Amino acid sequence: MGAARWALKRLPSRWKRVIKSAIKTYKGIGVRKDRVILKRDARKFLGFASIRIIAFDIALSSRRQKTAYLRKSRTGTGR
């Protein structure tokens, strides 16, 4: 549930309905409207989230390569 609260606060507002419907369904209090929203929008949300995760991973990997020399200088030299 912590991830859902984080998402509600930080992701674009267009995803609030699908996140709230997912929360209700997870808690077992979802109604027909929530199921309709999930069927209609869950795949779009998954696509959005997947792209964001991949972009973050690429950016993180890029930063790691640019700073690899810093990590090497701190380890293994015995200084």
N, C-alpha and C. Protein backbone atom coordinates (compact mmCIF):
# COMPACT_ATOMS: atom_id res chain seq x y z
N MET A 1 0.82 -1.20 0.00
CA MET A 1 0.00 0.00 0.00
C MET A 1 0.87 1.26 0.00
N GLY A 2 2.07 1.14 0.52
CA GLY A 2 2.97 2.29 0.52
C GLY A 2 3.30 2.77 -0.88
N ALA A 3 3.49 1.83 -1.79
CA ALA A 3 3.79 2.19 -3.18
C ALA A 3 2.60 2.91 -3.81
N ALA A 4 1.40 2.47 -3.49
CA ALA A 4 0.20 3.11 -4.03
C ALA A 4 0.07 4.54 -3.51
N ARG A 5 0.34 4.74 -2.23
CA ARG A 5 0.29 6.10 -1.67
C ARG A 5 1.35 6.99 -2.33
N TRP A 6 2.54 6.43 -2.52
CA TRP A 6 3.61 7.17 -3.19
C TRP A 6 3.16 7.57 -4.60
N ALA A 7 2.59 6.61 -5.33
CA ALA A 7 2.14 6.86 -6.70
C ALA A 7 1.06 7.93 -6.75
N LEU A 8 0.13 7.89 -5.82
CA LEU A 8 -0.93 8.90 -5.80
C LEU A 8 -0.37 10.30 -5.59
N LYS A 9 0.68 10.42 -4.81
CA LYS A 9 1.27 11.73 -4.54
C LYS A 9 2.16 12.23 -5.67
N ARG A 10 2.83 11.32 -6.36
CA ARG A 10 3.91 11.75 -7.24
C ARG A 10 3.69 11.54 -8.75
N LEU A 11 2.81 10.64 -9.12
CA LEU A 11 2.59 10.41 -10.54
C LEU A 11 1.55 11.39 -11.09
N PRO A 12 1.53 11.57 -12.41
CA PRO A 12 0.54 12.48 -13.00
C PRO A 12 -0.89 12.13 -12.59
N SER A 13 -1.71 13.15 -12.45
CA SER A 13 -3.08 12.98 -11.94
C SER A 13 -3.93 12.07 -12.83
N ARG A 14 -3.59 11.94 -14.09
CA ARG A 14 -4.40 11.08 -14.97
C ARG A 14 -4.41 9.62 -14.53
N TRP A 15 -3.46 9.24 -13.66
CA TRP A 15 -3.40 7.85 -13.20
C TRP A 15 -4.09 7.63 -11.85
N LYS A 16 -4.60 8.68 -11.24
CA LYS A 16 -5.21 8.55 -9.91
C LYS A 16 -6.39 7.57 -9.90
N ARG A 17 -7.25 7.64 -10.91
CA ARG A 17 -8.42 6.75 -10.94
C ARG A 17 -8.03 5.29 -10.96
N VAL A 18 -7.07 4.95 -11.82
CA VAL A 18 -6.69 3.53 -11.92
C VAL A 18 -5.99 3.07 -10.64
N ILE A 19 -5.20 3.94 -10.03
CA ILE A 19 -4.52 3.57 -8.79
C ILE A 19 -5.54 3.39 -7.66
N LYS A 20 -6.48 4.32 -7.54
CA LYS A 20 -7.51 4.21 -6.50
C LYS A 20 -8.38 2.97 -6.71
N SER A 21 -8.71 2.67 -7.96
CA SER A 21 -9.50 1.46 -8.24
C SER A 21 -8.71 0.20 -7.89
N ALA A 22 -7.42 0.22 -8.17
CA ALA A 22 -6.58 -0.93 -7.82
C ALA A 22 -6.53 -1.11 -6.30
N ILE A 23 -6.43 -0.02 -5.57
CA ILE A 23 -6.40 -0.09 -4.10
C ILE A 23 -7.70 -0.69 -3.58
N LYS A 24 -8.83 -0.18 -4.07
CA LYS A 24 -10.13 -0.69 -3.62
C LYS A 24 -10.28 -2.17 -3.93
N THR A 25 -9.88 -2.56 -5.14
CA THR A 25 -9.98 -3.96 -5.54
C THR A 25 -9.08 -4.82 -4.67
N TYR A 26 -7.88 -4.37 -4.40
CA TYR A 26 -6.94 -5.10 -3.55
C TYR A 26 -7.52 -5.30 -2.15
N LYS A 27 -8.18 -4.26 -1.64
CA LYS A 27 -8.77 -4.34 -0.30
C LYS A 27 -10.06 -5.16 -0.27
N GLY A 28 -10.55 -5.51 -1.45
CA GLY A 28 -11.78 -6.30 -1.52
C GLY A 28 -13.04 -5.46 -1.45
N ILE A 29 -12.92 -4.16 -1.66
CA ILE A 29 -14.08 -3.27 -1.60
C ILE A 29 -14.37 -2.62 -2.96
N GLY A 30 -13.74 -3.14 -4.00
CA GLY A 30 -13.97 -2.60 -5.33
C GLY A 30 -15.37 -2.92 -5.81
N VAL A 31 -15.91 -2.02 -6.60
CA VAL A 31 -17.24 -2.20 -7.19
C VAL A 31 -17.08 -2.34 -8.70
N ARG A 32 -18.18 -2.52 -9.38
CA ARG A 32 -18.15 -2.72 -10.83
C ARG A 32 -17.39 -1.60 -11.53
N LYS A 33 -17.61 -0.36 -11.11
CA LYS A 33 -16.94 0.79 -11.71
C LYS A 33 -15.41 0.64 -11.63
N ASP A 34 -14.91 0.15 -10.50
CA ASP A 34 -13.47 -0.04 -10.34
C ASP A 34 -12.94 -1.10 -11.31
N ARG A 35 -13.70 -2.17 -11.49
CA ARG A 35 -13.28 -3.21 -12.43
C ARG A 35 -13.26 -2.68 -13.86
N VAL A 36 -14.24 -1.85 -14.20
CA VAL A 36 -14.28 -1.26 -15.54
C VAL A 36 -13.06 -0.37 -15.75
N ILE A 37 -12.75 0.45 -14.76
CA ILE A 37 -11.58 1.34 -14.86
C ILE A 37 -10.31 0.52 -15.02
N LEU A 38 -10.17 -0.54 -14.23
CA LEU A 38 -8.97 -1.37 -14.32
C LEU A 38 -8.86 -2.06 -15.68
N LYS A 39 -9.97 -2.59 -16.17
CA LYS A 39 -9.94 -3.24 -17.48
C LYS A 39 -9.56 -2.25 -18.58
N ARG A 40 -10.04 -1.04 -18.46
CA ARG A 40 -9.81 -0.03 -19.49
C ARG A 40 -8.41 0.58 -19.39
N ASP A 41 -7.92 0.83 -18.17
CA ASP A 41 -6.72 1.66 -18.02
C ASP A 41 -5.48 0.97 -17.44
N ALA A 42 -5.62 -0.22 -16.90
CA ALA A 42 -4.47 -0.87 -16.25
C ALA A 42 -3.33 -1.12 -17.23
N ARG A 43 -3.65 -1.56 -18.42
CA ARG A 43 -2.60 -1.83 -19.42
C ARG A 43 -1.88 -0.53 -19.80
N LYS A 44 -2.62 0.56 -19.95
CA LYS A 44 -1.99 1.86 -20.26
C LYS A 44 -1.08 2.29 -19.12
N PHE A 45 -1.55 2.10 -17.90
CA PHE A 45 -0.74 2.48 -16.74
C PHE A 45 0.52 1.63 -16.68
N LEU A 46 0.40 0.35 -16.93
CA LEU A 46 1.57 -0.53 -16.94
C LEU A 46 2.58 -0.08 -17.99
N GLY A 47 2.10 0.30 -19.15
CA GLY A 47 2.99 0.82 -20.19
C GLY A 47 3.71 2.08 -19.74
N PHE A 48 2.96 3.00 -19.15
CA PHE A 48 3.55 4.24 -18.62
C PHE A 48 4.61 3.92 -17.58
N ALA A 49 4.28 3.07 -16.63
CA ALA A 49 5.21 2.75 -15.54
C ALA A 49 6.44 2.02 -16.08
N SER A 50 6.25 1.12 -17.01
CA SER A 50 7.38 0.37 -17.58
C SER A 50 8.37 1.30 -18.27
N ILE A 51 7.85 2.24 -19.03
CA ILE A 51 8.72 3.20 -19.72
C ILE A 51 9.50 4.04 -18.71
N ARG A 52 8.83 4.49 -17.65
CA ARG A 52 9.51 5.28 -16.62
C ARG A 52 10.61 4.47 -15.93
N ILE A 53 10.33 3.21 -15.64
CA ILE A 53 11.32 2.36 -14.97
C ILE A 53 12.52 2.12 -15.88
N ILE A 54 12.26 1.83 -17.15
CA ILE A 54 13.35 1.60 -18.10
C ILE A 54 14.19 2.86 -18.25
N ALA A 55 13.53 4.01 -18.38
CA ALA A 55 14.27 5.28 -18.52
C ALA A 55 15.13 5.54 -17.29
N PHE A 56 14.59 5.28 -16.11
CA PHE A 56 15.35 5.47 -14.87
C PHE A 56 16.56 4.54 -14.84
N ASP A 57 16.34 3.29 -15.23
CA ASP A 57 17.42 2.31 -15.23
C ASP A 57 18.53 2.71 -16.20
N ILE A 58 18.15 3.19 -17.37
CA ILE A 58 19.15 3.64 -18.35
C ILE A 58 19.93 4.83 -17.81
N ALA A 59 19.21 5.79 -17.22
CA ALA A 59 19.88 6.97 -16.67
C ALA A 59 20.82 6.57 -15.53
N LEU A 60 20.38 5.67 -14.69
CA LEU A 60 21.21 5.22 -13.57
C LEU A 60 22.45 4.50 -14.08
N SER A 61 22.29 3.64 -15.07
CA SER A 61 23.43 2.93 -15.65
C SER A 61 24.41 3.90 -16.28
N SER A 62 23.89 4.91 -16.94
CA SER A 62 24.74 5.92 -17.56
C SER A 62 25.55 6.67 -16.51
N ARG A 63 24.91 7.04 -15.41
CA ARG A 63 25.62 7.75 -14.33
C ARG A 63 26.68 6.85 -13.71
N ARG A 64 26.37 5.58 -13.57
CA ARG A 64 27.34 4.65 -12.98
C ARG A 64 28.59 4.56 -13.85
N GLN A 65 28.41 4.53 -15.17
CA GLN A 65 29.56 4.45 -16.06
C GLN A 65 30.41 5.71 -15.96
N LYS A 66 29.77 6.86 -15.83
CA LYS A 66 30.50 8.12 -15.76
C LYS A 66 31.25 8.29 -14.44
N THR A 67 30.80 7.59 -13.41
CA THR A 67 31.45 7.72 -12.10
C THR A 67 32.18 6.46 -11.68
N ALA A 68 32.35 5.52 -12.59
CA ALA A 68 33.02 4.26 -12.25
C ALA A 68 34.42 4.50 -11.73
N TYR A 69 35.11 5.48 -12.27
CA TYR A 69 36.48 5.75 -11.82
C TYR A 69 36.51 6.19 -10.36
N LEU A 70 35.45 6.83 -9.88
CA LEU A 70 35.41 7.24 -8.47
C LEU A 70 35.31 6.02 -7.57
N ARG A 71 34.48 5.07 -7.95
CA ARG A 71 34.35 3.86 -7.14
C ARG A 71 35.64 3.05 -7.15
N LYS A 72 36.30 2.97 -8.29
CA LYS A 72 37.54 2.21 -8.40
C LYS A 72 38.63 2.84 -7.53
N SER A 73 38.67 4.15 -7.47
CA SER A 73 39.73 4.81 -6.70
C SER A 73 39.53 4.63 -5.21
N ARG A 74 38.31 4.37 -4.78
CA ARG A 74 38.03 4.20 -3.35
C ARG A 74 38.27 2.78 -2.87
N THR A 75 38.27 1.83 -3.78
CA THR A 75 38.38 0.42 -3.36
C THR A 75 39.58 -0.23 -4.00
N GLY A 76 40.15 -1.14 -3.28
CA GLY A 76 41.19 -1.97 -3.86
C GLY A 76 42.57 -1.35 -3.94
N THR A 77 42.74 -0.11 -3.52
CA THR A 77 44.06 0.50 -3.64
C THR A 77 44.84 0.43 -2.34
N GLY A 78 44.14 0.24 -1.23
CA GLY A 78 44.79 0.14 0.06
C GLY A 78 45.34 1.45 0.59
N ARG A 79 44.96 2.55 -0.01
CA ARG A 79 45.45 3.86 0.43
C ARG A 79 44.57 4.45 1.50
